[in-house]
Amino acid sequence: MGGHNGGMHMILHGIDQQGRRKKIDWFIEAKDNSGPEIPATSAVILASELISQKKISIGAQPCIGLISLPVYLEALSKYSITSTCIKDE
């Protein structure tokens, strides 16, 4: 069904706190069959943090904020995955 390469593109439009229009284009591309690492890496990061006894709240909760974007992208850097963010100011 799928190929060896894949990706996702998001376009965000909005108004900033000063009332100015903003646009952000974000891309993530996976090559060489690295696509499954995109969702799997967050689980690996969280499991590593639990093993190292980092304090993580238990129970049902939103996953927002459990992993920072820099930590996530660093973990993906060993794969054929790139991420690009273009901000129109």
C-alpha atoms as a PDB file:
ATOM      1  CA  MET A   1       0.000   0.000   0.000  1.00  0.00           C
ATOM      2  CA  GLY A   2       2.653   2.515   0.920  1.00  0.00           C
ATOM      3  CA  GLY A   3       6.028   3.378  -0.475  1.00  0.00           C
ATOM      4  CA  HIS A   4       9.452   3.610   1.102  1.00  0.00           C
ATOM      5  CA  ASN A   5       9.110   7.374   1.589  1.00  0.00           C
ATOM      6  CA  GLY A   6       6.362   9.413   3.235  1.00  0.00           C
ATOM      7  CA  GLY A   7       5.615  12.695   4.876  1.00  0.00           C
ATOM      8  CA  MET A   8       3.178  15.183   6.246  1.00  0.00           C
ATOM      9  CA  HIS A   9       2.660  18.904   5.643  1.00  0.00           C
ATOM     10  CA  MET A  10       0.715  21.216   7.947  1.00  0.00           C
ATOM     11  CA  ILE A  11      -0.193  24.843   7.241  1.00  0.00           C
ATOM     12  CA  LEU A  12      -1.214  26.949  10.233  1.00  0.00           C
ATOM     13  CA  HIS A  13      -2.846  30.370   9.816  1.00  0.00           C
ATOM     14  CA  GLY A  14      -3.711  32.666  12.676  1.00  0.00           C
ATOM     15  CA  ILE A  15      -3.417  35.986  14.429  1.00  0.00           C
ATOM     16  CA  ASP A  16      -0.642  36.667  16.954  1.00  0.00           C
ATOM     17  CA  GLN A  17      -1.032  38.479  20.274  1.00  0.00           C
ATOM     18  CA  GLN A  18      -0.429  41.819  18.556  1.00  0.00           C
ATOM     19  CA  GLY A  19      -3.210  41.181  16.027  1.00  0.00           C
ATOM     20  CA  ARG A  20      -0.849  40.435  13.100  1.00  0.00           C
ATOM     21  CA  ARG A  21      -1.512  37.624  10.651  1.00  0.00           C
ATOM     22  CA  LYS A  22       0.877  34.656  10.942  1.00  0.00           C
ATOM     23  CA  LYS A  23       1.445  31.603   8.789  1.00  0.00           C
ATOM     24  CA  ILE A  24       3.588  28.570   9.587  1.00  0.00           C
ATOM     25  CA  ASP A  25       4.327  25.742   7.154  1.00  0.00           C
ATOM     26  CA  TRP A  26       5.649  22.572   8.779  1.00  0.00           C
ATOM     27  CA  PHE A  27       6.928  19.497   6.970  1.00  0.00           C
ATOM     28  CA  ILE A  28       8.145  16.130   8.203  1.00  0.00           C
ATOM     29  CA  GLU A  29       9.588  13.698   5.676  1.00  0.00           C
ATOM     30  CA  ALA A  30      10.634  10.089   6.208  1.00  0.00           C
ATOM     31  CA  LYS A  31      12.780   8.188   3.739  1.00  0.00           C
ATOM     32  CA  ASP A  32      14.220   4.662   3.555  1.00  0.00           C
ATOM     33  CA  ASN A  33      11.281   3.068   5.419  1.00  0.00           C
ATOM     34  CA  SER A  34      11.780   5.338   8.463  1.00  0.00           C
ATOM     35  CA  GLY A  35       8.108   6.393   8.632  1.00  0.00           C
ATOM     36  CA  PRO A  36       7.102   4.030  11.468  1.00  0.00           C
ATOM     37  CA  GLU A  37       9.727   5.681  13.683  1.00  0.00           C
ATOM     38  CA  ILE A  38       7.673   8.895  13.776  1.00  0.00           C
ATOM     39  CA  PRO A  39       4.916   7.559  16.077  1.00  0.00           C
ATOM     40  CA  ALA A  40       7.102   4.917  17.749  1.00  0.00           C
ATOM     41  CA  THR A  41       9.829   7.313  18.913  1.00  0.00           C
ATOM     42  CA  SER A  42       7.595   9.124  21.389  1.00  0.00           C
ATOM     43  CA  ALA A  43       6.841   5.806  23.130  1.00  0.00           C
ATOM     44  CA  VAL A  44      10.566   4.996  23.266  1.00  0.00           C
ATOM     45  CA  ILE A  45      11.324   8.416  24.798  1.00  0.00           C
ATOM     46  CA  LEU A  46       8.622   8.024  27.462  1.00  0.00           C
ATOM     47  CA  ALA A  47       9.686   4.456  28.266  1.00  0.00           C
ATOM     48  CA  SER A  48      13.292   5.642  28.681  1.00  0.00           C
ATOM     49  CA  GLU A  49      12.153   8.408  31.019  1.00  0.00           C
ATOM     50  CA  LEU A  50      10.142   5.932  33.108  1.00  0.00           C
ATOM     51  CA  ILE A  51      13.138   3.595  33.329  1.00  0.00           C
ATOM     52  CA  SER A  52      15.352   6.488  34.444  1.00  0.00           C
ATOM     53  CA  GLN A  53      12.677   7.270  37.059  1.00  0.00           C
ATOM     54  CA  LYS A  54      11.802  10.701  35.690  1.00  0.00           C
ATOM     55  CA  LYS A  55       8.637  11.813  37.446  1.00  0.00           C
ATOM     56  CA  ILE A  56       5.677  11.445  35.097  1.00  0.00           C
ATOM     57  CA  SER A  57       2.099  11.825  36.319  1.00  0.00           C
ATOM     58  CA  ILE A  58       0.069   8.640  36.302  1.00  0.00           C
ATOM     59  CA  GLY A  59      -3.506   8.271  35.129  1.00  0.00           C
ATOM     60  CA  ALA A  60      -5.422   9.461  32.096  1.00  0.00           C
ATOM     61  CA  GLN A  61      -4.214  12.801  30.791  1.00  0.00           C
ATOM     62  CA  PRO A  62      -3.480  14.623  27.548  1.00  0.00           C
ATOM     63  CA  CYS A  63      -0.039  13.836  26.156  1.00  0.00           C
ATOM     64  CA  ILE A  64       0.690  17.493  25.351  1.00  0.00           C
ATOM     65  CA  GLY A  65       3.904  18.598  27.025  1.00  0.00           C
ATOM     66  CA  LEU A  66       5.235  15.163  27.985  1.00  0.00           C
ATOM     67  CA  ILE A  67       7.965  15.392  25.333  1.00  0.00           C
ATOM     68  CA  SER A  68       9.488  18.603  24.029  1.00  0.00           C
ATOM     69  CA  LEU A  69       9.878  19.098  20.281  1.00  0.00           C
ATOM     70  CA  PRO A  70      13.692  19.437  20.505  1.00  0.00           C
ATOM     71  CA  VAL A  71      13.967  16.120  22.419  1.00  0.00           C
ATOM     72  CA  TYR A  72      11.657  14.415  19.913  1.00  0.00           C
ATOM     73  CA  LEU A  73      13.501  15.743  16.845  1.00  0.00           C
ATOM     74  CA  GLU A  74      16.859  14.791  18.372  1.00  0.00           C
ATOM     75  CA  ALA A  75      15.619  11.239  18.875  1.00  0.00           C
ATOM     76  CA  LEU A  76      14.455  11.126  15.243  1.00  0.00           C
ATOM     77  CA  SER A  77      17.792  12.437  13.956  1.00  0.00           C
ATOM     78  CA  LYS A  78      19.325   8.966  13.781  1.00  0.00           C
ATOM     79  CA  TYR A  79      16.761   8.005  11.120  1.00  0.00           C
ATOM     80  CA  SER A  80      16.204   9.277   7.580  1.00  0.00           C
ATOM     81  CA  ILE A  81      13.674  11.820   8.863  1.00  0.00           C
ATOM     82  CA  THR A  82      13.777  15.572   8.378  1.00  0.00           C
ATOM     83  CA  SER A  83      11.574  18.328   9.729  1.00  0.00           C
ATOM     84  CA  THR A  84      11.289  21.845   8.358  1.00  0.00           C
ATOM     85  CA  CYS A  85       9.369  24.839   9.706  1.00  0.00           C
ATOM     86  CA  ILE A  86       8.870  27.985   7.635  1.00  0.00           C
ATOM     87  CA  LYS A  87       7.417  30.999   9.416  1.00  0.00           C
ATOM     88  CA  ASP A  88       6.005  33.955   7.468  1.00  0.00           C
ATOM     89  CA  GLU A  89       6.372  36.965   9.677  1.00  0.00           C
END
